[in-house]
Protein backbone atom coordinates (compact mmCIF):
# COMPACT_ATOMS: atom_id res chain seq x y z
CA UNK A 1 156.19 148.17 152.68
CA UNK A 2 155.78 145.92 155.70
CA UNK A 3 154.57 142.33 155.44
CA UNK A 4 151.35 143.36 157.20
CA UNK A 5 150.73 146.06 154.59
CA UNK A 6 151.49 143.62 151.76
CA UNK A 7 149.03 141.11 153.24
CA UNK A 8 146.35 143.79 153.55
CA UNK A 9 146.95 144.96 149.98
CA UNK A 10 146.55 141.41 148.66
CA UNK A 11 143.29 140.95 150.55
CA UNK A 12 141.94 144.31 149.38
CA UNK A 13 142.87 143.37 145.80
CA UNK A 14 140.63 140.31 146.13
CA UNK A 15 143.44 137.76 146.13
CA UNK A 16 143.25 134.46 147.96
CA UNK A 17 145.92 133.97 150.61
CA UNK A 18 147.04 130.64 152.07
CA UNK A 19 150.05 129.34 153.96
CA UNK A 20 152.12 128.67 150.83
CA UNK A 21 151.69 131.97 149.02
CA UNK A 22 151.74 133.85 152.33
CA UNK A 23 155.29 132.68 152.91
CA UNK A 24 156.40 133.20 149.31
CA UNK A 25 154.83 136.64 148.79
CA UNK A 26 154.85 138.27 152.23
CA UNK A 27 157.46 136.27 154.24
CA UNK A 28 154.77 135.44 156.79
CA UNK A 29 155.40 132.03 158.33
CA UNK A 30 152.07 131.76 160.14
CA UNK A 31 149.31 133.15 157.93
CA UNK A 32 146.38 132.00 160.13
CA UNK A 33 147.79 133.89 163.11
CA UNK A 34 148.45 137.05 161.08
CA UNK A 35 145.00 136.97 159.47
CA UNK A 36 143.44 136.86 162.92
CA UNK A 37 145.77 139.28 164.66
CA UNK A 38 146.77 141.79 161.97
CA UNK A 39 143.59 141.86 159.91
CA UNK A 40 140.46 140.64 161.69
CA UNK A 41 141.09 141.98 165.19
CA UNK A 42 142.97 145.12 164.10
CA UNK A 43 140.34 146.28 161.61
CA UNK A 44 137.24 144.42 162.86
CA UNK A 45 136.57 142.60 159.58
CA UNK A 46 135.61 139.03 158.72
CA UNK A 47 137.82 136.95 156.44
CA UNK A 48 136.33 133.93 154.66
CA UNK A 49 138.05 130.61 155.40
CA UNK A 50 137.68 127.91 152.77
CA UNK A 51 139.08 124.48 153.74
CA UNK A 52 140.86 122.74 150.84
CA UNK A 53 142.14 119.23 150.28
CA UNK A 54 144.74 117.98 147.85
CA UNK A 55 147.63 115.66 147.22
CA UNK A 56 151.19 116.67 148.07
CA UNK A 57 154.12 116.22 145.71
CA UNK A 58 154.86 113.00 147.63
CA UNK A 59 151.35 111.67 146.84
CA UNK A 60 150.14 112.17 150.41
CA UNK A 61 146.78 113.76 151.25
CA UNK A 62 147.08 117.30 152.61
CA UNK A 63 144.72 120.02 153.79
CA UNK A 64 145.00 123.81 153.93
CA UNK A 65 142.80 126.88 154.24
CA UNK A 66 142.33 129.67 151.69
CA UNK A 67 141.62 133.13 153.15
CA UNK A 68 139.70 135.82 151.28
CA UNK A 69 138.39 139.16 152.51
CA UNK A 70 134.60 139.36 152.54
CA UNK A 71 133.46 142.58 150.90
CA UNK A 72 130.18 142.86 152.77
CA UNK A 73 128.29 145.72 154.35
CA UNK A 74 129.45 144.76 157.86
CA UNK A 75 133.09 144.90 156.71
CA UNK A 76 132.70 148.29 155.02
CA UNK A 77 134.07 150.37 157.92
CA UNK A 78 136.97 147.99 158.47
CA UNK A 79 137.86 148.01 154.77
CA UNK A 80 138.03 151.81 154.86
CA UNK A 81 140.38 151.58 157.85
CA UNK A 82 142.49 149.05 155.97
CA UNK A 83 142.71 151.37 152.96
CA UNK A 84 143.76 154.27 155.20
CA UNK A 85 146.43 152.11 156.86
CA UNK A 86 147.70 150.98 153.47
CA UNK A 87 147.86 154.54 152.12
CA UNK A 88 149.83 155.57 155.19
CA UNK A 89 152.29 152.69 154.77
CA UNK A 90 152.80 153.19 151.04
CA UNK A 91 153.60 156.90 151.35
CA UNK A 92 155.95 156.17 154.21
CA UNK A 93 158.01 153.70 152.17
CA UNK A 94 157.84 155.40 148.78
CA UNK A 95 161.35 155.88 147.38
CA UNK A 96 162.53 159.45 147.08
CA UNK A 97 162.57 160.93 143.62
CA UNK A 98 165.98 161.73 142.21
CA UNK A 99 166.76 165.29 141.32
CA UNK A 100 167.43 165.77 137.62
CA UNK A 101 171.10 166.03 136.76
CA UNK A 102 172.37 169.20 135.21
CA UNK A 103 173.11 168.94 131.53
CA UNK A 104 176.51 170.30 130.63
CA UNK A 105 176.54 172.45 127.56
CA UNK A 106 180.30 172.24 127.01
CA UNK A 107 181.07 168.55 126.60
CA UNK A 108 184.84 169.09 126.57
CA UNK A 109 185.07 171.25 129.72
CA UNK A 110 186.22 168.28 131.79
CA UNK A 111 189.23 167.66 129.54
CA UNK A 112 190.85 171.06 130.04
């Protein structure tokens, strides 16, 4: 699965995406750019941006933005397109099933 497909799946699942978990989960180094380019413009949907404030591990103030897909009527068509894209990507990268191995009836045939 591509990082774009993983990002879309997370948004469709109702998860909140930000810069930190975007890098850890999807290997996307610039989440704001990918949200705009790969999600909003590609599928014509609106993503909610929630500004957040906190304290870093070094006790310094920091700010970030949480992104969440809005499941509204105006996004309905775009969400269907996102689901179709995701279904296409998942079937493309699904691992092949292994063929069952033959069971040997004579366990000692290899020793002869």
